[in-house]
Amino acid sequence: MFKEDALPANLSPNAQRCQDALNRLGFTFQVVELPQSTRSAKEAAAAIGCRVEQIAKSLVFRGASSGRPLLVIASGANRVNEELLAAACGEPVEKADADFVQQATGYSIGGVPPAAHRQPLPTYLDRDLLQHTDIWAAAGSPFAVFHLTPQELLALTHGVVIDIH
């Protein structure tokens, strides 16, 4: 596990924007930036010193009929079954491209936090995340993360818990 007191005190602009948004929402999560990439769940787990299953990865999908963005927060070990997601949200879904993700969330792929987006997003949480005591989520950049519990993730996102695989 990394030592938070050994990390730089200043956050990059996107990580600071995420921290400020989390604070405005009434949460006290502490965004940290690591020297190693946290862009993928595997990289994040290695940089943090936790299991891949404890990474709450934020994935944006696009409703195939409506064009609306949908957020799935999945355990880092899981792949999203798009048919199960489609059943949960009521329409077929497709993977979103980088421009769509940036427009919907205000963040780039690899740094999308579970909340604090440009617009409210319908959010679906992987049921497997609930079995962990603590988890880690992206915080605005491919090097920024924050620690929380699954219950705090539910409170932060107001997401619907579903089976995603």
Protein backbone atom coordinates (compact mmCIF):
# COMPACT_ATOMS: atom_id res chain seq x y z
CA MET A 1 0.00 0.00 0.00
CA PHE A 2 1.31 3.44 -0.87
CA LYS A 3 2.05 6.02 1.82
CA GLU A 4 -0.22 9.05 1.47
CA ASP A 5 2.17 11.31 3.37
CA ALA A 6 4.84 10.65 0.72
CA LEU A 7 2.63 11.96 -2.10
CA PRO A 8 2.69 15.50 -3.51
CA ALA A 9 0.24 17.86 -1.79
CA ASN A 10 -0.87 19.68 -4.96
CA LEU A 11 -3.35 18.00 -7.27
CA SER A 12 -3.50 18.37 -11.03
CA PRO A 13 -6.37 20.61 -12.26
CA ASN A 14 -8.73 17.69 -13.10
CA ALA A 15 -8.01 15.87 -9.84
CA GLN A 16 -8.56 19.12 -7.92
CA ARG A 17 -11.84 19.70 -9.79
CA CYS A 18 -12.94 16.22 -8.73
CA GLN A 19 -11.88 16.85 -5.11
CA ASP A 20 -13.76 20.14 -5.05
CA ALA A 21 -16.89 18.51 -6.49
CA LEU A 22 -16.75 15.69 -3.93
CA ASN A 23 -16.42 18.28 -1.16
CA ARG A 24 -19.39 20.26 -2.53
CA LEU A 25 -21.43 17.05 -2.47
CA GLY A 26 -20.68 16.80 1.26
CA PHE A 27 -18.12 13.99 1.20
CA THR A 28 -14.71 14.02 2.85
CA PHE A 29 -12.93 11.62 0.49
CA GLN A 30 -9.27 12.50 -0.06
CA VAL A 31 -8.13 12.49 -3.69
CA VAL A 32 -4.52 11.43 -4.10
CA GLU A 33 -2.33 11.39 -7.19
CA LEU A 34 0.12 8.57 -7.60
CA PRO A 35 3.36 8.52 -9.57
CA GLN A 36 2.19 5.38 -11.40
CA SER A 37 -0.70 5.25 -13.86
CA THR A 38 -4.11 4.20 -12.58
CA ARG A 39 -5.70 4.30 -16.07
CA SER A 40 -6.66 0.61 -16.02
CA ALA A 41 -7.95 -1.45 -13.11
CA LYS A 42 -4.82 -3.60 -13.20
CA GLU A 43 -2.54 -0.53 -13.13
CA ALA A 44 -4.58 1.07 -10.36
CA ALA A 45 -4.45 -2.05 -8.18
CA ALA A 46 -0.67 -2.31 -8.66
CA ALA A 47 -0.14 1.39 -7.86
CA ILE A 48 -2.38 1.30 -4.78
CA GLY A 49 -1.38 -2.12 -3.50
CA CYS A 50 -4.86 -3.65 -3.46
CA ARG A 51 -6.66 -6.39 -5.39
CA VAL A 52 -8.07 -5.66 -8.86
CA GLU A 53 -11.52 -6.56 -7.53
CA GLN A 54 -11.33 -3.53 -5.19
CA ILE A 55 -11.03 -1.06 -8.08
CA ALA A 56 -14.35 0.62 -8.90
CA LYS A 57 -13.91 1.37 -12.59
CA SER A 58 -16.24 3.92 -14.18
CA LEU A 59 -17.36 2.92 -17.66
CA VAL A 60 -19.57 5.08 -19.86
CA PHE A 61 -22.00 3.51 -22.29
CA ARG A 62 -24.38 5.10 -24.77
CA GLY A 63 -28.05 4.17 -25.06
CA ALA A 64 -28.38 2.88 -28.63
CA SER A 65 -31.89 4.32 -29.06
CA SER A 66 -31.82 7.43 -26.88
CA GLY A 67 -28.17 8.40 -27.26
CA ARG A 68 -28.06 9.16 -23.53
CA PRO A 69 -24.93 8.42 -21.50
CA LEU A 70 -25.07 5.67 -18.88
CA LEU A 71 -22.48 5.03 -16.20
CA VAL A 72 -21.51 1.59 -14.96
CA ILE A 73 -19.25 1.32 -11.95
CA ALA A 74 -17.79 -2.16 -12.15
CA SER A 75 -15.40 -4.18 -10.09
CA GLY A 76 -12.02 -4.05 -11.79
CA ALA A 77 -12.07 -7.80 -12.31
CA ASN A 78 -15.38 -7.83 -14.19
CA ARG A 79 -16.42 -7.18 -17.76
CA VAL A 80 -19.84 -5.65 -18.39
CA ASN A 81 -22.37 -7.94 -20.06
CA GLU A 82 -24.10 -5.44 -22.34
CA GLU A 83 -27.27 -7.54 -22.51
CA LEU A 84 -27.67 -7.41 -18.73
CA LEU A 85 -27.04 -3.65 -18.77
CA ALA A 86 -29.57 -3.21 -21.58
CA ALA A 87 -32.17 -5.11 -19.55
CA ALA A 88 -31.49 -2.88 -16.53
CA CYS A 89 -31.67 0.43 -18.40
CA GLY A 90 -34.45 -0.49 -20.83
CA GLU A 91 -32.63 -0.14 -24.16
CA PRO A 92 -29.71 -1.64 -26.06
CA VAL A 93 -26.35 -0.10 -25.19
CA GLU A 94 -23.08 0.45 -26.97
CA LYS A 95 -19.63 1.42 -25.80
CA ALA A 96 -19.01 5.15 -25.79
CA ASP A 97 -16.05 6.67 -27.61
CA ALA A 98 -13.56 9.02 -25.96
CA ASP A 99 -15.26 12.22 -27.19
CA PHE A 100 -18.66 11.07 -25.93
CA VAL A 101 -17.17 10.20 -22.51
CA GLN A 102 -15.46 13.61 -22.28
CA GLN A 103 -18.64 15.48 -23.24
CA ALA A 104 -20.85 13.53 -20.83
CA THR A 105 -18.56 13.51 -17.81
CA GLY A 106 -15.99 16.28 -18.27
CA TYR A 107 -13.22 13.71 -17.79
CA SER A 108 -11.13 11.53 -20.09
CA ILE A 109 -11.28 7.75 -20.20
CA GLY A 110 -9.00 6.36 -17.49
CA GLY A 111 -9.83 9.14 -15.04
CA VAL A 112 -13.64 9.20 -14.90
CA PRO A 113 -14.79 9.39 -11.28
CA PRO A 114 -18.03 7.72 -10.12
CA ALA A 115 -19.72 11.12 -9.61
CA ALA A 116 -19.15 14.87 -10.10
CA HIS A 117 -19.81 14.82 -13.83
CA ARG A 118 -20.93 17.61 -16.17
CA GLN A 119 -24.45 16.20 -16.07
CA PRO A 120 -26.26 13.67 -13.89
CA LEU A 121 -25.86 10.18 -15.34
CA PRO A 122 -28.05 7.14 -14.74
CA THR A 123 -25.66 4.96 -12.76
CA TYR A 124 -25.49 1.19 -12.35
CA LEU A 125 -23.25 -0.41 -9.71
CA ASP A 126 -21.74 -3.86 -10.01
CA ARG A 127 -23.16 -6.00 -7.20
CA ASP A 128 -19.71 -7.58 -6.75
CA LEU A 129 -18.34 -4.29 -5.36
CA LEU A 130 -20.58 -4.68 -2.31
CA GLN A 131 -18.61 -7.66 -1.01
CA HIS A 132 -15.49 -5.57 -0.27
CA THR A 133 -14.72 -3.64 2.89
CA ASP A 134 -13.05 -0.86 0.94
CA ILE A 135 -12.66 0.11 -2.70
CA TRP A 136 -10.83 2.70 -4.81
CA ALA A 137 -12.22 4.89 -7.59
CA ALA A 138 -10.74 7.18 -10.24
CA ALA A 139 -10.62 10.87 -9.38
CA GLY A 140 -10.32 12.96 -12.54
CA SER A 141 -7.00 11.89 -14.04
CA PRO A 142 -5.20 8.65 -14.96
CA PHE A 143 -3.07 9.09 -11.82
CA ALA A 144 -5.72 10.15 -9.28
CA VAL A 145 -7.83 7.94 -7.01
CA PHE A 146 -9.80 8.08 -3.79
CA HIS A 147 -10.69 5.50 -1.17
CA LEU A 148 -14.25 4.74 -0.07
CA THR A 149 -16.54 1.96 1.07
CA PRO A 150 -19.20 0.35 -1.12
CA GLN A 151 -21.87 1.96 1.07
CA GLU A 152 -20.29 5.38 0.50
CA LEU A 153 -20.24 4.66 -3.24
CA LEU A 154 -23.98 3.98 -3.11
CA ALA A 155 -24.58 7.23 -1.23
CA LEU A 156 -22.35 9.20 -3.61
CA THR A 157 -23.86 7.90 -6.85
CA HIS A 158 -27.44 6.96 -5.94
CA GLY A 159 -26.77 4.10 -8.33
CA VAL A 160 -28.87 1.02 -8.98
CA VAL A 161 -27.13 -2.21 -7.96
CA ILE A 162 -27.21 -4.82 -10.72
CA ASP A 163 -25.44 -7.99 -11.81
CA ILE A 164 -23.17 -6.98 -14.69
CA HIS A 165 -21.68 -10.32 -15.67
